[in-house]
N, C-alpha and C. Protein backbone atom coordinates (compact mmCIF):
# COMPACT_ATOMS: atom_id res chain seq x y z
N MET A 1 -25.78 8.39 5.81
CA MET A 1 -24.85 7.84 6.77
C MET A 1 -24.24 9.00 7.55
N THR A 2 -24.20 8.89 8.84
CA THR A 2 -23.66 9.97 9.67
C THR A 2 -22.17 9.78 9.88
N ASP A 3 -21.48 10.89 10.04
CA ASP A 3 -20.05 10.83 10.31
C ASP A 3 -19.82 10.48 11.77
N PRO A 4 -18.92 9.55 12.05
CA PRO A 4 -18.63 9.22 13.45
C PRO A 4 -17.89 10.38 14.11
N THR A 5 -18.04 10.49 15.40
CA THR A 5 -17.33 11.54 16.13
C THR A 5 -15.84 11.21 16.14
N PRO A 6 -14.99 12.24 16.21
CA PRO A 6 -13.54 11.99 16.17
C PRO A 6 -13.02 11.13 17.31
N ASP A 7 -13.69 11.17 18.47
CA ASP A 7 -13.20 10.39 19.60
C ASP A 7 -13.85 9.02 19.72
N ALA A 8 -14.64 8.64 18.71
CA ALA A 8 -15.28 7.33 18.73
C ALA A 8 -14.23 6.25 18.51
N PRO A 9 -14.37 5.11 19.18
CA PRO A 9 -13.38 4.03 18.97
C PRO A 9 -13.46 3.48 17.55
N VAL A 10 -12.31 3.15 17.02
CA VAL A 10 -12.23 2.61 15.66
C VAL A 10 -12.63 1.14 15.70
N SER A 11 -13.45 0.73 14.75
CA SER A 11 -13.89 -0.66 14.75
C SER A 11 -12.72 -1.59 14.47
N ARG A 12 -12.90 -2.83 14.82
CA ARG A 12 -11.84 -3.81 14.63
C ARG A 12 -11.52 -4.00 13.15
N ASN A 13 -12.56 -3.98 12.30
CA ASN A 13 -12.33 -4.14 10.86
C ASN A 13 -11.56 -2.97 10.29
N ALA A 14 -11.85 -1.76 10.75
CA ALA A 14 -11.11 -0.59 10.26
C ALA A 14 -9.65 -0.67 10.69
N ARG A 15 -9.42 -1.13 11.90
CA ARG A 15 -8.03 -1.27 12.36
C ARG A 15 -7.30 -2.33 11.54
N ARG A 16 -7.98 -3.43 11.26
CA ARG A 16 -7.38 -4.48 10.44
C ARG A 16 -7.09 -3.99 9.03
N GLU A 17 -8.04 -3.24 8.45
CA GLU A 17 -7.82 -2.69 7.11
C GLU A 17 -6.61 -1.76 7.10
N ARG A 18 -6.48 -0.95 8.15
CA ARG A 18 -5.35 -0.03 8.22
C ARG A 18 -4.03 -0.79 8.30
N LEU A 19 -3.99 -1.83 9.14
CA LEU A 19 -2.76 -2.60 9.28
C LEU A 19 -2.41 -3.34 7.99
N VAL A 20 -3.40 -3.92 7.34
CA VAL A 20 -3.15 -4.61 6.06
C VAL A 20 -2.70 -3.60 5.01
N GLY A 21 -3.33 -2.43 5.00
CA GLY A 21 -2.94 -1.39 4.06
C GLY A 21 -1.50 -0.95 4.27
N LEU A 22 -1.11 -0.78 5.53
CA LEU A 22 0.27 -0.39 5.81
C LEU A 22 1.26 -1.49 5.42
N LEU A 23 0.87 -2.75 5.63
CA LEU A 23 1.72 -3.86 5.22
C LEU A 23 1.90 -3.87 3.70
N VAL A 24 0.81 -3.69 2.98
CA VAL A 24 0.87 -3.68 1.52
C VAL A 24 1.70 -2.49 1.04
N LEU A 25 1.57 -1.33 1.70
CA LEU A 25 2.40 -0.18 1.34
C LEU A 25 3.87 -0.46 1.59
N GLY A 26 4.19 -1.19 2.65
CA GLY A 26 5.58 -1.54 2.92
C GLY A 26 6.15 -2.48 1.87
N VAL A 27 5.35 -3.45 1.45
CA VAL A 27 5.80 -4.37 0.39
C VAL A 27 6.00 -3.59 -0.91
N ALA A 28 5.09 -2.66 -1.18
CA ALA A 28 5.21 -1.84 -2.39
C ALA A 28 6.50 -1.01 -2.36
N ALA A 29 6.81 -0.45 -1.19
CA ALA A 29 8.03 0.35 -1.08
C ALA A 29 9.27 -0.49 -1.33
N VAL A 30 9.30 -1.70 -0.79
CA VAL A 30 10.45 -2.59 -1.00
C VAL A 30 10.58 -2.93 -2.49
N LEU A 31 9.46 -3.23 -3.14
CA LEU A 31 9.50 -3.55 -4.57
C LEU A 31 9.99 -2.37 -5.39
N LEU A 32 9.51 -1.18 -5.07
CA LEU A 32 9.91 -0.01 -5.84
C LEU A 32 11.39 0.32 -5.65
N VAL A 33 11.86 0.21 -4.43
CA VAL A 33 13.26 0.53 -4.16
C VAL A 33 14.19 -0.52 -4.75
N SER A 34 13.81 -1.79 -4.64
CA SER A 34 14.70 -2.85 -5.12
C SER A 34 14.66 -3.03 -6.63
N SER A 35 13.69 -2.42 -7.30
CA SER A 35 13.64 -2.55 -8.76
C SER A 35 14.85 -1.92 -9.43
N VAL A 36 15.49 -0.98 -8.75
CA VAL A 36 16.68 -0.34 -9.30
C VAL A 36 17.78 -1.35 -9.57
N SER A 37 17.91 -2.34 -8.69
CA SER A 37 18.98 -3.33 -8.86
C SER A 37 18.75 -4.18 -10.12
N TRP A 38 17.50 -4.41 -10.50
CA TRP A 38 17.23 -5.17 -11.72
C TRP A 38 17.62 -4.36 -12.96
N PHE A 39 17.39 -3.05 -12.92
CA PHE A 39 17.80 -2.22 -14.05
C PHE A 39 19.33 -2.16 -14.15
N ALA A 40 19.99 -2.15 -13.00
CA ALA A 40 21.45 -2.08 -12.99
C ALA A 40 22.08 -3.37 -13.51
N SER A 41 21.39 -4.51 -13.35
CA SER A 41 21.94 -5.78 -13.81
C SER A 41 21.41 -6.16 -15.19
N ASP A 42 20.93 -5.19 -15.95
CA ASP A 42 20.45 -5.39 -17.32
C ASP A 42 19.29 -6.37 -17.43
N SER A 43 18.48 -6.45 -16.40
CA SER A 43 17.25 -7.24 -16.45
C SER A 43 16.07 -6.27 -16.44
N THR A 44 15.94 -5.55 -17.54
CA THR A 44 14.95 -4.48 -17.62
C THR A 44 13.53 -4.99 -17.48
N GLY A 45 13.25 -6.15 -18.06
CA GLY A 45 11.89 -6.69 -17.98
C GLY A 45 11.44 -6.96 -16.56
N VAL A 46 12.34 -7.53 -15.77
CA VAL A 46 12.01 -7.80 -14.36
C VAL A 46 11.84 -6.48 -13.61
N GLY A 47 12.69 -5.50 -13.90
CA GLY A 47 12.59 -4.20 -13.25
C GLY A 47 11.27 -3.51 -13.55
N ILE A 48 10.85 -3.57 -14.81
CA ILE A 48 9.57 -2.95 -15.19
C ILE A 48 8.42 -3.70 -14.51
N GLY A 49 8.50 -5.02 -14.47
CA GLY A 49 7.46 -5.80 -13.79
C GLY A 49 7.37 -5.45 -12.32
N GLN A 50 8.51 -5.27 -11.68
CA GLN A 50 8.52 -4.90 -10.27
C GLN A 50 7.95 -3.51 -10.06
N LEU A 51 8.26 -2.59 -10.96
CA LEU A 51 7.70 -1.24 -10.85
C LEU A 51 6.18 -1.26 -10.98
N VAL A 52 5.68 -2.01 -11.97
CA VAL A 52 4.23 -2.09 -12.17
C VAL A 52 3.55 -2.70 -10.96
N LEU A 53 4.09 -3.81 -10.46
CA LEU A 53 3.51 -4.46 -9.28
C LEU A 53 3.60 -3.56 -8.06
N GLY A 54 4.72 -2.87 -7.89
CA GLY A 54 4.88 -1.97 -6.75
C GLY A 54 3.89 -0.82 -6.80
N LEU A 55 3.66 -0.26 -7.98
CA LEU A 55 2.69 0.82 -8.10
C LEU A 55 1.27 0.34 -7.85
N ALA A 56 0.95 -0.85 -8.33
CA ALA A 56 -0.39 -1.41 -8.10
C ALA A 56 -0.61 -1.66 -6.61
N LEU A 57 0.38 -2.24 -5.95
CA LEU A 57 0.26 -2.49 -4.51
C LEU A 57 0.18 -1.19 -3.72
N ALA A 58 0.91 -0.18 -4.16
CA ALA A 58 0.84 1.12 -3.48
C ALA A 58 -0.57 1.70 -3.61
N GLY A 59 -1.19 1.53 -4.75
CA GLY A 59 -2.56 2.01 -4.92
C GLY A 59 -3.54 1.27 -4.02
N VAL A 60 -3.41 -0.05 -3.95
CA VAL A 60 -4.29 -0.85 -3.10
C VAL A 60 -4.06 -0.51 -1.63
N GLY A 61 -2.81 -0.41 -1.23
CA GLY A 61 -2.51 -0.08 0.16
C GLY A 61 -3.00 1.31 0.54
N GLY A 62 -2.80 2.27 -0.35
CA GLY A 62 -3.30 3.62 -0.08
C GLY A 62 -4.81 3.65 0.03
N PHE A 63 -5.48 2.89 -0.83
CA PHE A 63 -6.94 2.80 -0.77
C PHE A 63 -7.41 2.23 0.56
N LEU A 64 -6.75 1.16 1.02
CA LEU A 64 -7.15 0.54 2.29
C LEU A 64 -6.91 1.47 3.48
N VAL A 65 -5.79 2.16 3.48
CA VAL A 65 -5.49 3.07 4.59
C VAL A 65 -6.48 4.23 4.59
N ARG A 66 -6.76 4.78 3.42
CA ARG A 66 -7.70 5.89 3.32
C ARG A 66 -9.11 5.45 3.74
N ARG A 67 -9.51 4.26 3.29
CA ARG A 67 -10.85 3.76 3.62
C ARG A 67 -10.99 3.49 5.12
N SER A 68 -9.92 3.01 5.74
CA SER A 68 -10.00 2.71 7.17
C SER A 68 -10.05 3.97 8.02
N SER A 69 -9.51 5.08 7.50
CA SER A 69 -9.54 6.33 8.28
C SER A 69 -10.88 7.04 8.14
N GLY A 70 -11.71 6.63 7.19
CA GLY A 70 -13.01 7.24 7.02
C GLY A 70 -12.98 8.54 6.27
N ALA A 71 -11.86 8.84 5.60
CA ALA A 71 -11.75 10.09 4.86
C ALA A 71 -12.35 9.98 3.48
């Protein structure tokens, strides 16, 4: 498979993957930041669940963004 030139237009699917990846990263950031409030209100189980879900979504979002950039 050949590498595309840097000035080649990005395909529609790559653009969509990037946007979905950024959306998922944003949701992950909100989950990670808001999990602190669950720990503060002595709901440790919910806080841990939010951390796990936030980290999983961050991994998926990072994968999609990286894949869409062709790196």
